[in-house]
């Protein structure tokens, strides 16, 4: 699934973009790896699964894939992610440096052709 950052152009024809969301470029396509009520998780310029407000993006390649998994929480929140991120994976573990989470992420990006081998964002080899 892909999404594109929205772009606002000011009166002088220059790009205006939410400066609080560093790491995103205006009018750029990103691979989506998670969706929640208010946020979207995309692979940023360094292939890091970064979380951003959904309003910054528009979906460009159709609906949520059929093989993605939805988790609902008692608070009314939800997460929708690829099935590879369902059982033994959490983004919190990934960012805490857990090798298991890094390996699951690595397998996902390689299997989808997003990255290959050593360029896959893990140092747990």
C-alpha atoms as a PDB file:
ATOM      1  CA  UNK A   1       0.000   0.000   0.000  1.00  0.00           C
ATOM      2  CA  UNK A   2       1.275   3.487  -0.803  1.00  0.00           C
ATOM      3  CA  UNK A   3       0.371   6.986   0.273  1.00  0.00           C
ATOM      4  CA  UNK A   4       1.516  10.354  -0.953  1.00  0.00           C
ATOM      5  CA  UNK A   5       2.187  13.398   1.173  1.00  0.00           C
ATOM      6  CA  UNK A   6      -0.180  16.244   0.511  1.00  0.00           C
ATOM      7  CA  UNK A   7       1.233  19.519  -0.693  1.00  0.00           C
ATOM      8  CA  UNK A   8       0.072  23.043  -0.104  1.00  0.00           C
ATOM      9  CA  UNK A   9       1.453  25.751  -2.381  1.00  0.00           C
ATOM     10  CA  UNK A  10       1.491  29.305  -1.101  1.00  0.00           C
ATOM     11  CA  UNK A  11       0.705  32.468  -3.087  1.00  0.00           C
ATOM     12  CA  UNK A  12       4.316  32.682  -4.285  1.00  0.00           C
ATOM     13  CA  UNK A  13       4.241  29.141  -5.705  1.00  0.00           C
ATOM     14  CA  UNK A  14       6.436  27.714  -2.938  1.00  0.00           C
ATOM     15  CA  UNK A  15       5.762  24.483  -1.071  1.00  0.00           C
ATOM     16  CA  UNK A  16       4.355  24.834   2.377  1.00  0.00           C
ATOM     17  CA  UNK A  17       4.513  21.749   4.569  1.00  0.00           C
ATOM     18  CA  UNK A  18       3.952  20.955   8.230  1.00  0.00           C
ATOM     19  CA  UNK A  19       7.410  21.588   9.735  1.00  0.00           C
ATOM     20  CA  UNK A  20       6.663  19.457  12.793  1.00  0.00           C
ATOM     21  CA  UNK A  21       6.772  16.321  10.667  1.00  0.00           C
ATOM     22  CA  UNK A  22      10.418  16.217   9.760  1.00  0.00           C
ATOM     23  CA  UNK A  23      11.561  13.290   7.698  1.00  0.00           C
ATOM     24  CA  UNK A  24       8.756  13.670   5.177  1.00  0.00           C
ATOM     25  CA  UNK A  25       9.072  15.336   1.835  1.00  0.00           C
ATOM     26  CA  UNK A  26       6.127  17.079   0.171  1.00  0.00           C
ATOM     27  CA  UNK A  27       4.448  15.407  -2.796  1.00  0.00           C
ATOM     28  CA  UNK A  28       6.378  12.151  -2.227  1.00  0.00           C
ATOM     29  CA  UNK A  29       5.133   8.551  -2.266  1.00  0.00           C
ATOM     30  CA  UNK A  30       5.736   6.380   0.807  1.00  0.00           C
ATOM     31  CA  UNK A  31       5.155   2.701   1.533  1.00  0.00           C
ATOM     32  CA  UNK A  32       2.500   2.280   4.240  1.00  0.00           C
ATOM     33  CA  UNK A  33       3.126  -0.327   6.969  1.00  0.00           C
ATOM     34  CA  UNK A  34       0.407   0.601   9.447  1.00  0.00           C
ATOM     35  CA  UNK A  35      -2.780   2.563   9.945  1.00  0.00           C
ATOM     36  CA  UNK A  36      -4.632   3.677  13.055  1.00  0.00           C
ATOM     37  CA  UNK A  37      -7.551   6.018  13.695  1.00  0.00           C
ATOM     38  CA  UNK A  38      -5.420   9.169  13.586  1.00  0.00           C
ATOM     39  CA  UNK A  39      -2.018   8.045  12.334  1.00  0.00           C
ATOM     40  CA  UNK A  40      -0.329   6.339   9.430  1.00  0.00           C
ATOM     41  CA  UNK A  41       2.994   4.521   9.655  1.00  0.00           C
ATOM     42  CA  UNK A  42       5.152   4.860   6.560  1.00  0.00           C
ATOM     43  CA  UNK A  43       8.684   3.953   5.627  1.00  0.00           C
ATOM     44  CA  UNK A  44      10.430   7.305   5.667  1.00  0.00           C
ATOM     45  CA  UNK A  45      13.461   8.370   3.626  1.00  0.00           C
ATOM     46  CA  UNK A  46      15.723   6.065   5.697  1.00  0.00           C
ATOM     47  CA  UNK A  47      13.237   3.145   5.506  1.00  0.00           C
ATOM     48  CA  UNK A  48      12.358   3.667   9.158  1.00  0.00           C
ATOM     49  CA  UNK A  49       8.716   2.826  10.026  1.00  0.00           C
ATOM     50  CA  UNK A  50       7.797   6.314  11.210  1.00  0.00           C
ATOM     51  CA  UNK A  51       4.399   7.406  12.546  1.00  0.00           C
ATOM     52  CA  UNK A  52       2.727  10.558  11.199  1.00  0.00           C
ATOM     53  CA  UNK A  53      -0.726  12.155  11.347  1.00  0.00           C
ATOM     54  CA  UNK A  54      -3.032  10.677   8.697  1.00  0.00           C
ATOM     55  CA  UNK A  55      -4.171  14.082   7.481  1.00  0.00           C
ATOM     56  CA  UNK A  56      -0.739  14.620   5.885  1.00  0.00           C
ATOM     57  CA  UNK A  57      -1.340  11.814   3.354  1.00  0.00           C
ATOM     58  CA  UNK A  58      -3.631  10.657   0.611  1.00  0.00           C
ATOM     59  CA  UNK A  59      -3.838   6.992  -0.379  1.00  0.00           C
ATOM     60  CA  UNK A  60      -2.743   6.506  -3.976  1.00  0.00           C
ATOM     61  CA  UNK A  61      -3.063   2.807  -4.709  1.00  0.00           C
ATOM     62  CA  UNK A  62      -6.398   1.553  -3.505  1.00  0.00           C
ATOM     63  CA  UNK A  63      -7.863   0.049  -0.353  1.00  0.00           C
ATOM     64  CA  UNK A  64      -6.167  -1.612   2.583  1.00  0.00           C
ATOM     65  CA  UNK A  65      -4.803  -4.991   1.407  1.00  0.00           C
ATOM     66  CA  UNK A  66      -6.979  -8.009   2.246  1.00  0.00           C
ATOM     67  CA  UNK A  67      -4.147  -9.773   4.091  1.00  0.00           C
ATOM     68  CA  UNK A  68      -3.633  -6.959   6.611  1.00  0.00           C
ATOM     69  CA  UNK A  69      -4.820  -7.551  10.182  1.00  0.00           C
ATOM     70  CA  UNK A  70      -6.958  -5.219  12.287  1.00  0.00           C
ATOM     71  CA  UNK A  71      -6.593  -5.076  16.077  1.00  0.00           C
ATOM     72  CA  UNK A  72      -9.295  -3.239  18.008  1.00  0.00           C
ATOM     73  CA  UNK A  73      -8.724  -1.894  21.518  1.00  0.00           C
ATOM     74  CA  UNK A  74     -11.212  -1.175  24.307  1.00  0.00           C
ATOM     75  CA  UNK A  75     -10.366   2.542  24.048  1.00  0.00           C
ATOM     76  CA  UNK A  76     -11.856   2.627  20.549  1.00  0.00           C
ATOM     77  CA  UNK A  77      -8.438   2.810  18.928  1.00  0.00           C
ATOM     78  CA  UNK A  78      -7.302   0.310  16.331  1.00  0.00           C
ATOM     79  CA  UNK A  79      -4.213  -0.733  14.377  1.00  0.00           C
ATOM     80  CA  UNK A  80      -4.180  -2.213  10.897  1.00  0.00           C
ATOM     81  CA  UNK A  81      -0.885  -3.758   9.792  1.00  0.00           C
ATOM     82  CA  UNK A  82       0.468  -6.367   7.405  1.00  0.00           C
ATOM     83  CA  UNK A  83      -0.071  -9.893   8.764  1.00  0.00           C
ATOM     84  CA  UNK A  84       3.709 -10.263   9.169  1.00  0.00           C
ATOM     85  CA  UNK A  85       3.497  -7.689  11.988  1.00  0.00           C
ATOM     86  CA  UNK A  86       0.647  -9.394  13.830  1.00  0.00           C
ATOM     87  CA  UNK A  87       1.907 -12.109  16.187  1.00  0.00           C
ATOM     88  CA  UNK A  88       5.408 -11.596  17.572  1.00  0.00           C
ATOM     89  CA  UNK A  89       6.058  -8.041  16.430  1.00  0.00           C
ATOM     90  CA  UNK A  90       5.559  -4.601  17.892  1.00  0.00           C
ATOM     91  CA  UNK A  91       6.902  -1.302  16.647  1.00  0.00           C
ATOM     92  CA  UNK A  92       7.800  -0.470  20.257  1.00  0.00           C
ATOM     93  CA  UNK A  93      10.115  -3.521  20.311  1.00  0.00           C
ATOM     94  CA  UNK A  94      11.535  -2.491  16.931  1.00  0.00           C
ATOM     95  CA  UNK A  95      12.433   0.977  18.206  1.00  0.00           C
ATOM     96  CA  UNK A  96      13.771  -0.475  21.467  1.00  0.00           C
ATOM     97  CA  UNK A  97      16.232  -2.470  19.330  1.00  0.00           C
ATOM     98  CA  UNK A  98      14.816  -5.962  19.949  1.00  0.00           C
ATOM     99  CA  UNK A  99      16.509  -8.273  17.449  1.00  0.00           C
ATOM    100  CA  UNK A 100      13.371 -10.395  16.930  1.00  0.00           C
ATOM    101  CA  UNK A 101      11.365  -7.328  15.918  1.00  0.00           C
ATOM    102  CA  UNK A 102      14.198  -6.077  13.712  1.00  0.00           C
ATOM    103  CA  UNK A 103      14.379  -9.465  11.978  1.00  0.00           C
ATOM    104  CA  UNK A 104      10.606  -9.571  11.365  1.00  0.00           C
ATOM    105  CA  UNK A 105      10.783  -6.068   9.907  1.00  0.00           C
ATOM    106  CA  UNK A 106      13.800  -7.033   7.786  1.00  0.00           C
ATOM    107  CA  UNK A 107      12.017 -10.102   6.370  1.00  0.00           C
ATOM    108  CA  UNK A 108       8.994  -7.957   5.522  1.00  0.00           C
ATOM    109  CA  UNK A 109      10.879  -5.241   3.627  1.00  0.00           C
ATOM    110  CA  UNK A 110      12.944  -7.838   1.747  1.00  0.00           C
ATOM    111  CA  UNK A 111       9.906 -10.000   0.885  1.00  0.00           C
ATOM    112  CA  UNK A 112       8.100  -6.947  -0.511  1.00  0.00           C
ATOM    113  CA  UNK A 113      11.135  -5.878  -2.556  1.00  0.00           C
ATOM    114  CA  UNK A 114      11.368  -2.612  -0.629  1.00  0.00           C
ATOM    115  CA  UNK A 115      14.997  -3.215   0.398  1.00  0.00           C
ATOM    116  CA  UNK A 116      17.544  -5.960   0.096  1.00  0.00           C
ATOM    117  CA  UNK A 117      19.859  -7.680   2.585  1.00  0.00           C
ATOM    118  CA  UNK A 118      22.233  -5.353   4.424  1.00  0.00           C
ATOM    119  CA  UNK A 119      20.193  -2.224   3.619  1.00  0.00           C
ATOM    120  CA  UNK A 120      17.206  -3.377   5.646  1.00  0.00           C
ATOM    121  CA  UNK A 121      17.494  -1.394   8.855  1.00  0.00           C
ATOM    122  CA  UNK A 122      18.724  -4.079  11.243  1.00  0.00           C
ATOM    123  CA  UNK A 123      22.091  -4.667  12.845  1.00  0.00           C
ATOM    124  CA  UNK A 124      21.147  -7.952  14.516  1.00  0.00           C
ATOM    125  CA  UNK A 125      22.732 -10.249  11.943  1.00  0.00           C
END
